[in-house]
Amino acid sequence: MTDAEFEKLDAKARRFLQRGRNIPFKLSGRLVECRDCGRAHPEYYMLKRNLWLQAVPTGRGCLCLECLAKRLGRPLVAEDFGDPPCDWLTGQPVKLAKRFG
């Protein structure tokens, strides 16, 4: 998804919120798709800000881990992620160190 396409979807979602309405599931689902490969529901993770902005200069949207590594041009390592990496939905630690360490 291009930056322009993402911004258009995001603006549409904001209009729903400004009207006090919930964002339709179909639209909210599009906002969390990987912007490069379109995979639905990519993994949630917290990357160090400087790396995220290197990969996504606008700082907005989602990338799956594989597409993130492609954008950075290198494999991901445990040190790329916040300390400690955790799933913000459940608060449970994510075992990224084993995956990338």
Protein backbone atom coordinates (compact mmCIF):
# COMPACT_ATOMS: atom_id res chain seq x y z
CA MET A 1 0.00 0.00 0.00
CA THR A 2 1.44 3.35 -0.95
CA ASP A 3 1.69 6.25 1.47
CA ALA A 4 -1.11 8.01 -0.42
CA GLU A 5 -3.39 4.95 -0.20
CA PHE A 6 -2.70 4.58 3.51
CA GLU A 7 -3.33 8.28 4.18
CA LYS A 8 -6.65 8.09 2.32
CA LEU A 9 -7.78 5.11 4.45
CA ASP A 10 -6.53 6.77 7.63
CA ALA A 11 -8.41 9.98 6.82
CA LYS A 12 -11.58 7.98 6.25
CA ALA A 13 -11.14 6.26 9.63
CA ARG A 14 -10.57 9.61 11.35
CA ARG A 15 -13.83 10.95 9.89
CA PHE A 16 -15.72 8.07 11.51
CA LEU A 17 -14.10 8.85 14.87
CA GLN A 18 -14.76 12.59 14.55
CA ARG A 19 -18.45 11.81 14.07
CA GLY A 20 -18.43 9.68 17.22
CA ARG A 21 -18.83 6.47 15.24
CA ASN A 22 -16.85 3.26 15.36
CA ILE A 23 -14.49 2.51 12.49
CA PRO A 24 -16.02 -0.31 10.41
CA PHE A 25 -14.17 -3.60 10.84
CA LYS A 26 -13.33 -3.83 7.14
CA LEU A 27 -11.65 -0.42 7.24
CA SER A 28 -9.83 -0.98 10.53
CA GLY A 29 -8.57 -4.30 9.20
CA ARG A 30 -7.03 -2.56 6.19
CA LEU A 31 -5.16 -0.15 8.47
CA VAL A 32 -3.31 -3.01 10.19
CA GLU A 33 -2.41 -4.94 7.04
CA CYS A 34 1.25 -5.08 6.15
CA ARG A 35 1.76 -2.09 3.88
CA ASP A 36 4.10 -4.04 1.58
CA CYS A 37 2.74 -7.58 1.21
CA GLY A 38 -0.84 -6.98 2.41
CA ARG A 39 -0.74 -9.81 4.94
CA ALA A 40 -3.67 -9.37 7.28
CA HIS A 41 -3.00 -9.01 10.99
CA PRO A 42 0.77 -8.78 11.05
CA GLU A 43 2.56 -9.42 14.31
CA TYR A 44 2.48 -6.54 16.77
CA TYR A 45 5.86 -5.40 17.97
CA MET A 46 7.64 -2.29 19.20
CA LEU A 47 10.69 -1.34 17.17
CA LYS A 48 13.19 1.30 18.22
CA ARG A 49 11.92 4.59 16.84
CA ASN A 50 14.96 5.47 14.72
CA LEU A 51 14.73 2.11 12.92
CA TRP A 52 10.97 2.41 12.40
CA LEU A 53 11.40 5.86 10.84
CA GLN A 54 14.21 4.50 8.65
CA ALA A 55 11.84 1.81 7.36
CA VAL A 56 8.67 3.93 7.32
CA PRO A 57 9.57 7.64 7.04
CA THR A 58 5.97 8.72 7.70
CA GLY A 59 5.99 6.59 10.86
CA ARG A 60 2.50 5.34 10.08
CA GLY A 61 1.05 1.96 9.25
CA CYS A 62 2.13 -1.63 9.86
CA LEU A 63 4.72 -3.95 8.40
CA CYS A 64 5.11 -7.67 8.94
CA LEU A 65 8.53 -8.63 10.27
CA GLU A 66 9.68 -10.05 6.95
CA CYS A 67 8.83 -6.87 5.03
CA LEU A 68 10.38 -4.75 7.77
CA ALA A 69 13.67 -6.64 7.35
CA LYS A 70 13.48 -6.14 3.57
CA ARG A 71 12.97 -2.40 3.98
CA LEU A 72 15.90 -2.16 6.39
CA GLY A 73 18.00 -4.24 4.01
CA ARG A 74 19.22 -6.60 6.72
CA PRO A 75 18.03 -9.32 9.07
CA LEU A 76 16.36 -8.19 12.28
CA VAL A 77 18.13 -8.74 15.59
CA ALA A 78 16.78 -8.69 19.14
CA GLU A 79 18.42 -5.30 19.80
CA ASP A 80 16.17 -3.71 17.14
CA PHE A 81 13.14 -4.07 19.39
CA GLY A 82 12.01 -2.21 22.49
CA ASP A 83 13.21 -3.34 25.90
CA PRO A 84 11.53 -5.64 26.71
CA PRO A 85 9.49 -6.41 23.62
CA CYS A 86 5.89 -7.08 24.56
CA ASP A 87 2.55 -7.64 22.93
CA TRP A 88 0.67 -4.43 23.73
CA LEU A 89 -2.68 -6.19 23.47
CA THR A 90 -1.95 -8.79 26.14
CA GLY A 91 1.05 -7.32 27.93
CA GLN A 92 2.84 -10.65 27.49
CA PRO A 93 6.54 -10.66 26.55
CA VAL A 94 7.25 -11.62 22.97
CA LYS A 95 10.01 -14.17 22.42
CA LEU A 96 11.75 -12.13 19.72
CA ALA A 97 15.21 -12.75 21.13
CA LYS A 98 14.91 -16.44 20.28
CA ARG A 99 13.54 -15.65 16.85
CA PHE A 100 16.07 -12.97 15.91
CA GLY A 101 18.80 -13.28 18.52
